[in-house]
């Protein structure tokens, strides 16, 4: 049985990583196809992070679990806005 997971999808070149936050099946490889892109993260220079919280809630209600690294970035974003 395949489960939905919200995780990073790596893009960018060597030494310049960029990540999309995507919803995919847990058994799929990291670079495989995904259902939907719900945000992005760029750790180079200033940490740039954006996520669509409506779509995050939609997929979470459908049973998608978040990857620990995505959870950590979301919690950093929430703390920054408090």
PDB file of N, CA and C in Angstrom:
ATOM      1  N   UNK A   1       0.838  -1.176   0.000  1.00  0.00           N
ATOM      2  CA  UNK A   1       0.000   0.000   0.000  1.00  0.00           C
ATOM      3  C   UNK A   1       0.890   1.249   0.000  1.00  0.00           C
ATOM      4  N   UNK A   2       0.588   2.174  -0.897  1.00  0.00           N
ATOM      5  CA  UNK A   2       1.360   3.408  -0.996  1.00  0.00           C
ATOM      6  C   UNK A   2       0.689   4.519  -0.204  1.00  0.00           C
ATOM      7  N   UNK A   3       1.476   5.265   0.529  1.00  0.00           N
ATOM      8  CA  UNK A   3       0.970   6.375   1.318  1.00  0.00           C
ATOM      9  C   UNK A   3       1.464   7.688   0.725  1.00  0.00           C
ATOM     10  N   UNK A   4       0.691   8.735   0.952  1.00  0.00           N
ATOM     11  CA  UNK A   4       1.094  10.059   0.498  1.00  0.00           C
ATOM     12  C   UNK A   4       2.067  10.675   1.496  1.00  0.00           C
ATOM     13  N   UNK A   5       3.038  11.398   0.963  1.00  0.00           N
ATOM     14  CA  UNK A   5       4.017  12.061   1.811  1.00  0.00           C
ATOM     15  C   UNK A   5       4.332  13.433   1.209  1.00  0.00           C
ATOM     16  N   UNK A   6       4.572  14.405   2.080  1.00  0.00           N
ATOM     17  CA  UNK A   6       4.968  15.749   1.669  1.00  0.00           C
ATOM     18  C   UNK A   6       6.454  15.864   1.954  1.00  0.00           C
ATOM     19  N   UNK A   7       7.247  16.078   0.896  1.00  0.00           N
ATOM     20  CA  UNK A   7       8.695  16.102   1.070  1.00  0.00           C
ATOM     21  C   UNK A   7       9.356  17.025   0.057  1.00  0.00           C
ATOM     22  N   UNK A   8      10.689  17.159   0.193  1.00  0.00           N
ATOM     23  CA  UNK A   8      11.466  17.997  -0.710  1.00  0.00           C
ATOM     24  C   UNK A   8      11.761  17.262  -2.013  1.00  0.00           C
ATOM     25  N   UNK A   9      11.753  18.011  -3.099  1.00  0.00           N
ATOM     26  CA  UNK A   9      12.146  17.531  -4.421  1.00  0.00           C
ATOM     27  C   UNK A   9      13.306  18.421  -4.852  1.00  0.00           C
ATOM     28  N   UNK A  10      14.524  17.859  -4.900  1.00  0.00           N
ATOM     29  CA  UNK A  10      15.726  18.676  -5.135  1.00  0.00           C
ATOM     30  C   UNK A  10      15.830  19.117  -6.587  1.00  0.00           C
ATOM     31  N   UNK A  11      16.175  20.382  -6.742  1.00  0.00           N
ATOM     32  CA  UNK A  11      16.441  20.971  -8.052  1.00  0.00           C
ATOM     33  C   UNK A  11      17.721  21.775  -7.930  1.00  0.00           C
ATOM     34  N   UNK A  12      18.122  22.452  -8.986  1.00  0.00           N
ATOM     35  CA  UNK A  12      19.305  23.292  -8.930  1.00  0.00           C
ATOM     36  C   UNK A  12      20.556  22.511  -9.272  1.00  0.00           C
ATOM     37  N   UNK A  13      21.662  23.206  -9.267  1.00  0.00           N
ATOM     38  CA  UNK A  13      22.921  22.586  -9.641  1.00  0.00           C
ATOM     39  C   UNK A  13      23.783  22.252  -8.446  1.00  0.00           C
ATOM     40  N   UNK A  14      25.004  21.855  -8.743  1.00  0.00           N
ATOM     41  CA  UNK A  14      25.966  21.543  -7.706  1.00  0.00           C
ATOM     42  C   UNK A  14      26.284  22.813  -6.915  1.00  0.00           C
ATOM     43  N   UNK A  15      26.266  22.715  -5.608  1.00  0.00           N
ATOM     44  CA  UNK A  15      26.532  23.815  -4.678  1.00  0.00           C
ATOM     45  C   UNK A  15      25.450  24.894  -4.678  1.00  0.00           C
ATOM     46  N   UNK A  16      24.398  24.739  -5.470  1.00  0.00           N
ATOM     47  CA  UNK A  16      23.299  25.705  -5.494  1.00  0.00           C
ATOM     48  C   UNK A  16      21.961  24.971  -5.432  1.00  0.00           C
ATOM     49  N   UNK A  17      21.674  24.317  -4.320  1.00  0.00           N
ATOM     50  CA  UNK A  17      20.447  23.531  -4.256  1.00  0.00           C
ATOM     51  C   UNK A  17      19.204  24.404  -4.133  1.00  0.00           C
ATOM     52  N   UNK A  18      18.137  23.923  -4.707  1.00  0.00           N
ATOM     53  CA  UNK A  18      16.805  24.508  -4.554  1.00  0.00           C
ATOM     54  C   UNK A  18      15.875  23.328  -4.377  1.00  0.00           C
ATOM     55  N   UNK A  19      14.867  23.496  -3.562  1.00  0.00           N
ATOM     56  CA  UNK A  19      13.951  22.400  -3.287  1.00  0.00           C
ATOM     57  C   UNK A  19      12.513  22.853  -3.517  1.00  0.00           C
ATOM     58  N   UNK A  20      11.739  22.005  -4.165  1.00  0.00           N
ATOM     59  CA  UNK A  20      10.305  22.189  -4.227  1.00  0.00           C
ATOM     60  C   UNK A  20       9.693  21.326  -3.144  1.00  0.00           C
ATOM     61  N   UNK A  21       8.628  21.791  -2.526  1.00  0.00           N
ATOM     62  CA  UNK A  21       7.897  20.986  -1.551  1.00  0.00           C
ATOM     63  C   UNK A  21       6.738  20.361  -2.311  1.00  0.00           C
ATOM     64  N   UNK A  22       6.736  19.035  -2.392  1.00  0.00           N
ATOM     65  CA  UNK A  22       5.784  18.336  -3.241  1.00  0.00           C
ATOM     66  C   UNK A  22       5.035  17.251  -2.465  1.00  0.00           C
ATOM     67  N   UNK A  23       3.912  16.833  -3.043  1.00  0.00           N
ATOM     68  CA  UNK A  23       3.129  15.721  -2.515  1.00  0.00           C
ATOM     69  C   UNK A  23       3.341  14.560  -3.468  1.00  0.00           C
ATOM     70  N   UNK A  24       3.787  13.425  -2.943  1.00  0.00           N
ATOM     71  CA  UNK A  24       4.074  12.262  -3.771  1.00  0.00           C
ATOM     72  C   UNK A  24       3.777  10.983  -2.997  1.00  0.00           C
ATOM     73  N   UNK A  25       3.927   9.852  -3.643  1.00  0.00           N
ATOM     74  CA  UNK A  25       3.766   8.564  -2.966  1.00  0.00           C
ATOM     75  C   UNK A  25       5.048   8.230  -2.217  1.00  0.00           C
ATOM     76  N   UNK A  26       4.904   7.576  -1.078  1.00  0.00           N
ATOM     77  CA  UNK A  26       6.064   7.301  -0.224  1.00  0.00           C
ATOM     78  C   UNK A  26       7.052   6.329  -0.864  1.00  0.00           C
ATOM     79  N   UNK A  27       6.602   5.455  -1.719  1.00  0.00           N
ATOM     80  CA  UNK A  27       7.488   4.456  -2.323  1.00  0.00           C
ATOM     81  C   UNK A  27       8.250   4.976  -3.526  1.00  0.00           C
ATOM     82  N   UNK A  28       7.883   6.166  -4.010  1.00  0.00           N
ATOM     83  CA  UNK A  28       8.547   6.723  -5.186  1.00  0.00           C
ATOM     84  C   UNK A  28       9.907   7.295  -4.821  1.00  0.00           C
ATOM     85  N   UNK A  29      10.800   7.341  -5.801  1.00  0.00           N
ATOM     86  CA  UNK A  29      12.121   7.948  -5.599  1.00  0.00           C
ATOM     87  C   UNK A  29      11.974   9.445  -5.427  1.00  0.00           C
ATOM     88  N   UNK A  30      13.006  10.065  -4.905  1.00  0.00           N
ATOM     89  CA  UNK A  30      12.979  11.499  -4.622  1.00  0.00           C
ATOM     90  C   UNK A  30      12.819  12.343  -5.886  1.00  0.00           C
ATOM     91  N   UNK A  31      13.390  11.926  -6.978  1.00  0.00           N
ATOM     92  CA  UNK A  31      13.351  12.706  -8.218  1.00  0.00           C
ATOM     93  C   UNK A  31      12.215  12.282  -9.149  1.00  0.00           C
ATOM     94  N   UNK A  32      11.282  11.484  -8.673  1.00  0.00           N
ATOM     95  CA  UNK A  32      10.215  10.984  -9.535  1.00  0.00           C
ATOM     96  C   UNK A  32       9.076  11.992  -9.649  1.00  0.00           C
ATOM     97  N   UNK A  33       8.033  11.614 -10.356  1.00  0.00           N
ATOM     98  CA  UNK A  33       6.876  12.485 -10.553  1.00  0.00           C
ATOM     99  C   UNK A  33       6.141  12.687  -9.235  1.00  0.00           C
ATOM    100  N   UNK A  34       5.395  13.773  -9.171  1.00  0.00           N
ATOM    101  CA  UNK A  34       4.668  14.093  -7.956  1.00  0.00           C
ATOM    102  C   UNK A  34       3.276  14.579  -8.329  1.00  0.00           C
ATOM    103  N   UNK A  35       2.376  14.645  -7.333  1.00  0.00           N
ATOM    104  CA  UNK A  35       1.007  15.067  -7.566  1.00  0.00           C
ATOM    105  C   UNK A  35       0.889  16.582  -7.675  1.00  0.00           C
ATOM    106  N   UNK A  36       1.507  17.287  -6.731  1.00  0.00           N
ATOM    107  CA  UNK A  36       1.357  18.734  -6.703  1.00  0.00           C
ATOM    108  C   UNK A  36       2.539  19.385  -6.004  1.00  0.00           C
ATOM    109  N   UNK A  37       2.949  20.533  -6.508  1.00  0.00           N
ATOM    110  CA  UNK A  37       3.966  21.355  -5.859  1.00  0.00           C
ATOM    111  C   UNK A  37       3.227  22.342  -4.967  1.00  0.00           C
ATOM    112  N   UNK A  38       3.553  22.329  -3.661  1.00  0.00           N
ATOM    113  CA  UNK A  38       2.844  23.223  -2.736  1.00  0.00           C
ATOM    114  C   UNK A  38       3.747  24.298  -2.140  1.00  0.00           C
ATOM    115  N   UNK A  39       5.023  24.314  -2.514  1.00  0.00           N
ATOM    116  CA  UNK A  39       5.918  25.345  -2.005  1.00  0.00           C
ATOM    117  C   UNK A  39       7.332  25.153  -2.502  1.00  0.00           C
ATOM    118  N   UNK A  40       8.242  25.978  -1.988  1.00  0.00           N
ATOM    119  CA  UNK A  40       9.650  25.868  -2.347  1.00  0.00           C
ATOM    120  C   UNK A  40      10.528  26.313  -1.188  1.00  0.00           C
ATOM    121  N   UNK A  41      11.816  25.935  -1.257  1.00  0.00           N
ATOM    122  CA  UNK A  41      12.805  26.297  -0.247  1.00  0.00           C
ATOM    123  C   UNK A  41      14.147  26.453  -0.941  1.00  0.00           C
ATOM    124  N   UNK A  42      14.826  27.560  -0.654  1.00  0.00           N
ATOM    125  CA  UNK A  42      16.150  27.809  -1.208  1.00  0.00           C
ATOM    126  C   UNK A  42      17.099  28.138  -0.057  1.00  0.00           C
ATOM    127  N   UNK A  43      17.984  27.221   0.310  1.00  0.00           N
ATOM    128  CA  UNK A  43      18.877  27.446   1.453  1.00  0.00           C
ATOM    129  C   UNK A  43      20.110  28.292   1.137  1.00  0.00           C
ATOM    130  N   UNK A  44      20.338  28.636  -0.112  1.00  0.00           N
ATOM    131  CA  UNK A  44      21.524  29.399  -0.497  1.00  0.00           C
ATOM    132  C   UNK A  44      21.273  30.881  -0.243  1.00  0.00           C
ATOM    133  N   UNK A  45      22.258  31.558   0.334  1.00  0.00           N
ATOM    134  CA  UNK A  45      22.114  32.983   0.636  1.00  0.00           C
ATOM    135  C   UNK A  45      21.100  33.177   1.751  1.00  0.00           C
ATOM    136  N   UNK A  46      20.117  34.008   1.512  1.00  0.00           N
ATOM    137  CA  UNK A  46      19.026  34.167   2.470  1.00  0.00           C
ATOM    138  C   UNK A  46      18.109  32.957   2.356  1.00  0.00           C
ATOM    139  N   UNK A  47      17.717  32.414   3.482  1.00  0.00           N
ATOM    140  CA  UNK A  47      16.801  31.269   3.444  1.00  0.00           C
ATOM    141  C   UNK A  47      15.456  31.730   2.912  1.00  0.00           C
ATOM    142  N   UNK A  48      15.119  31.327   1.695  1.00  0.00           N
ATOM    143  CA  UNK A  48      13.844  31.669   1.082  1.00  0.00           C
ATOM    144  C   UNK A  48      12.934  30.467   1.190  1.00  0.00           C
ATOM    145  N   UNK A  49      11.770  30.663   1.790  1.00  0.00           N
ATOM    146  CA  UNK A  49      10.855  29.556   2.038  1.00  0.00           C
ATOM    147  C   UNK A  49       9.429  30.047   1.845  1.00  0.00           C
ATOM    148  N   UNK A  50       8.643  29.333   1.066  1.00  0.00           N
ATOM    149  CA  UNK A  50       7.234  29.683   0.872  1.00  0.00           C
ATOM    150  C   UNK A  50       6.434  28.396   0.742  1.00  0.00           C
ATOM    151  N   UNK A  51       5.240  28.399   1.320  1.00  0.00           N
ATOM    152  CA  UNK A  51       4.379  27.225   1.242  1.00  0.00           C
ATOM    153  C   UNK A  51       2.927  27.684   1.213  1.00  0.00           C
ATOM    154  N   UNK A  52       2.109  26.968   0.474  1.00  0.00           N
ATOM    155  CA  UNK A  52       0.686  27.239   0.400  1.00  0.00           C
ATOM    156  C   UNK A  52       0.012  26.423   1.511  1.00  0.00           C
ATOM    157  N   UNK A  53      -0.362  27.101   2.598  1.00  0.00           N
ATOM    158  CA  UNK A  53      -0.901  26.401   3.760  1.00  0.00           C
ATOM    159  C   UNK A  53      -2.286  25.805   3.496  1.00  0.00           C
ATOM    160  N   UNK A  54      -3.042  26.371   2.557  1.00  0.00           N
ATOM    161  CA  UNK A  54      -4.346  25.789   2.215  1.00  0.00           C
ATOM    162  C   UNK A  54      -4.159  24.418   1.590  1.00  0.00           C
ATOM    163  N   UNK A  55      -3.210  24.321   0.660  1.00  0.00           N
ATOM    164  CA  UNK A  55      -2.959  23.030   0.006  1.00  0.00           C
ATOM    165  C   UNK A  55      -2.299  22.043   0.972  1.00  0.00           C
ATOM    166  N   UNK A  56      -1.472  22.551   1.882  1.00  0.00           N
ATOM    167  CA  UNK A  56      -0.878  21.694   2.908  1.00  0.00           C
ATOM    168  C   UNK A  56      -1.973  21.074   3.763  1.00  0.00           C
ATOM    169  N   UNK A  57      -2.944  21.888   4.175  1.00  0.00           N
ATOM    170  CA  UNK A  57      -4.066  21.373   4.953  1.00  0.00           C
ATOM    171  C   UNK A  57      -4.917  20.394   4.161  1.00  0.00           C
ATOM    172  N   UNK A  58      -5.136  20.687   2.878  1.00  0.00           N
ATOM    173  CA  UNK A  58      -5.916  19.797   2.017  1.00  0.00           C
ATOM    174  C   UNK A  58      -5.281  18.412   1.952  1.00  0.00           C
ATOM    175  N   UNK A  59      -3.972  18.361   1.674  1.00  0.00           N
ATOM    176  CA  UNK A  59      -3.298  17.072   1.550  1.00  0.00           C
ATOM    177  C   UNK A  59      -3.140  16.382   2.895  1.00  0.00           C
ATOM    178  N   UNK A  60      -2.980  17.152   3.964  1.00  0.00           N
ATOM    179  CA  UNK A  60      -2.896  16.541   5.296  1.00  0.00           C
ATOM    180  C   UNK A  60      -4.219  15.879   5.667  1.00  0.00           C
ATOM    181  N   UNK A  61      -5.322  16.511   5.298  1.00  0.00           N
ATOM    182  CA  UNK A  61      -6.635  15.910   5.553  1.00  0.00           C
ATOM    183  C   UNK A  61      -6.860  14.661   4.722  1.00  0.00           C
ATOM    184  N   UNK A  62      -6.163  14.532   3.606  1.00  0.00           N
ATOM    185  CA  UNK A  62      -6.264  13.345   2.764  1.00  0.00           C
ATOM    186  C   UNK A  62      -5.340  12.223   3.231  1.00  0.00           C
ATOM    187  N   UNK A  63      -4.580  12.478   4.297  1.00  0.00           N
ATOM    188  CA  UNK A  63      -3.732  11.432   4.862  1.00  0.00           C
ATOM    189  C   UNK A  63      -2.262  11.560   4.553  1.00  0.00           C
ATOM    190  N   UNK A  64      -1.839  12.655   3.962  1.00  0.00           N
ATOM    191  CA  UNK A  64      -0.415  12.833   3.654  1.00  0.00           C
ATOM    192  C   UNK A  64       0.354  13.201   4.918  1.00  0.00           C
ATOM    193  N   UNK A  65       1.455  12.526   5.141  1.00  0.00           N
ATOM    194  CA  UNK A  65       2.307  12.848   6.285  1.00  0.00           C
ATOM    195  C   UNK A  65       3.470  13.705   5.793  1.00  0.00           C
ATOM    196  N   UNK A  66       4.014  14.529   6.676  1.00  0.00           N
ATOM    197  CA  UNK A  66       5.133  15.387   6.288  1.00  0.00           C
ATOM    198  C   UNK A  66       6.456  14.762   6.687  1.00  0.00           C
ATOM    199  N   UNK A  67       7.424  14.946   5.853  1.00  0.00           N
ATOM    200  CA  UNK A  67       8.781  14.500   6.086  1.00  0.00           C
ATOM    201  C   UNK A  67       9.353  15.302   7.262  1.00  0.00           C
ATOM    202  N   UNK A  68      10.226  14.728   8.096  1.00  0.00           N
ATOM    203  CA  UNK A  68      10.788  15.473   9.231  1.00  0.00           C
ATOM    204  C   UNK A  68      11.495  16.771   8.835  1.00  0.00           C
ATOM    205  N   UNK A  69      12.200  16.783   7.711  1.00  0.00           N
ATOM    206  CA  UNK A  69      12.892  18.004   7.297  1.00  0.00           C
ATOM    207  C   UNK A  69      11.903  19.083   6.858  1.00  0.00           C
ATOM    208  N   UNK A  70      10.800  18.698   6.239  1.00  0.00           N
ATOM    209  CA  UNK A  70       9.767  19.668   5.861  1.00  0.00           C
ATOM    210  C   UNK A  70       9.070  20.194   7.115  1.00  0.00           C
ATOM    211  N   UNK A  71       8.820  19.319   8.078  1.00  0.00           N
ATOM    212  CA  UNK A  71       8.216  19.742   9.354  1.00  0.00           C
ATOM    213  C   UNK A  71       9.080  20.789  10.044  1.00  0.00           C
ATOM    214  N   UNK A  72      10.384  20.577  10.020  1.00  0.00           N
ATOM    215  CA  UNK A  72      11.317  21.496  10.658  1.00  0.00           C
ATOM    216  C   UNK A  72      11.261  22.873   9.990  1.00  0.00           C
ATOM    217  N   UNK A  73      11.219  22.912   8.666  1.00  0.00           N
ATOM    218  CA  UNK A  73      11.137  24.193   7.950  1.00  0.00           C
ATOM    219  C   UNK A  73       9.810  24.890   8.209  1.00  0.00           C
ATOM    220  N   UNK A  74       8.719  24.139   8.270  1.00  0.00           N
ATOM    221  CA  UNK A  74       7.411  24.728   8.538  1.00  0.00           C
ATOM    222  C   UNK A  74       7.381  25.317   9.946  1.00  0.00           C
ATOM    223  N   UNK A  75       7.939  24.607  10.912  1.00  0.00           N
ATOM    224  CA  UNK A  75       7.952  25.112  12.276  1.00  0.00           C
ATOM    225  C   UNK A  75       8.823  26.370  12.379  1.00  0.00           C
ATOM    226  N   UNK A  76       9.935  26.447  11.628  1.00  0.00           N
ATOM    227  CA  UNK A  76      10.759  27.652  11.608  1.00  0.00           C
ATOM    228  C   UNK A  76       9.975  28.831  11.042  1.00  0.00           C
ATOM    229  N   UNK A  77       9.194  28.577  10.010  1.00  0.00           N
ATOM    230  CA  UNK A  77       8.402  29.627   9.382  1.00  0.00           C
ATOM    231  C   UNK A  77       7.330  30.128  10.324  1.00  0.00           C
ATOM    232  N   UNK A  78       6.677  29.229  11.044  1.00  0.00           N
ATOM    233  CA  UNK A  78       5.620  29.612  11.990  1.00  0.00           C
ATOM    234  C   UNK A  78       6.204  30.419  13.146  1.00  0.00           C
ATOM    235  N   UNK A  79       7.351  30.021  13.668  1.00  0.00           N
ATOM    236  CA  UNK A  79       7.993  30.742  14.765  1.00  0.00           C
ATOM    237  C   UNK A  79       8.432  32.128  14.306  1.00  0.00           C
ATOM    238  N   UNK A  80       8.868  32.263  13.056  1.00  0.00           N
ATOM    239  CA  UNK A  80       9.312  33.559  12.545  1.00  0.00           C
ATOM    240  C   UNK A  80       8.176  34.561  12.457  1.00  0.00           C
ATOM    241  N   UNK A  81       6.955  34.091  12.238  1.00  0.00           N
ATOM    242  CA  UNK A  81       5.811  34.996  12.108  1.00  0.00           C
ATOM    243  C   UNK A  81       5.120  35.298  13.427  1.00  0.00           C
ATOM    244  N   UNK A  82       5.535  34.654  14.516  1.00  0.00           N
ATOM    245  CA  UNK A  82       4.912  34.941  15.819  1.00  0.00           C
ATOM    246  C   UNK A  82       5.496  36.150  16.467  1.00  0.00           C
TER     247      UNK A  82
END
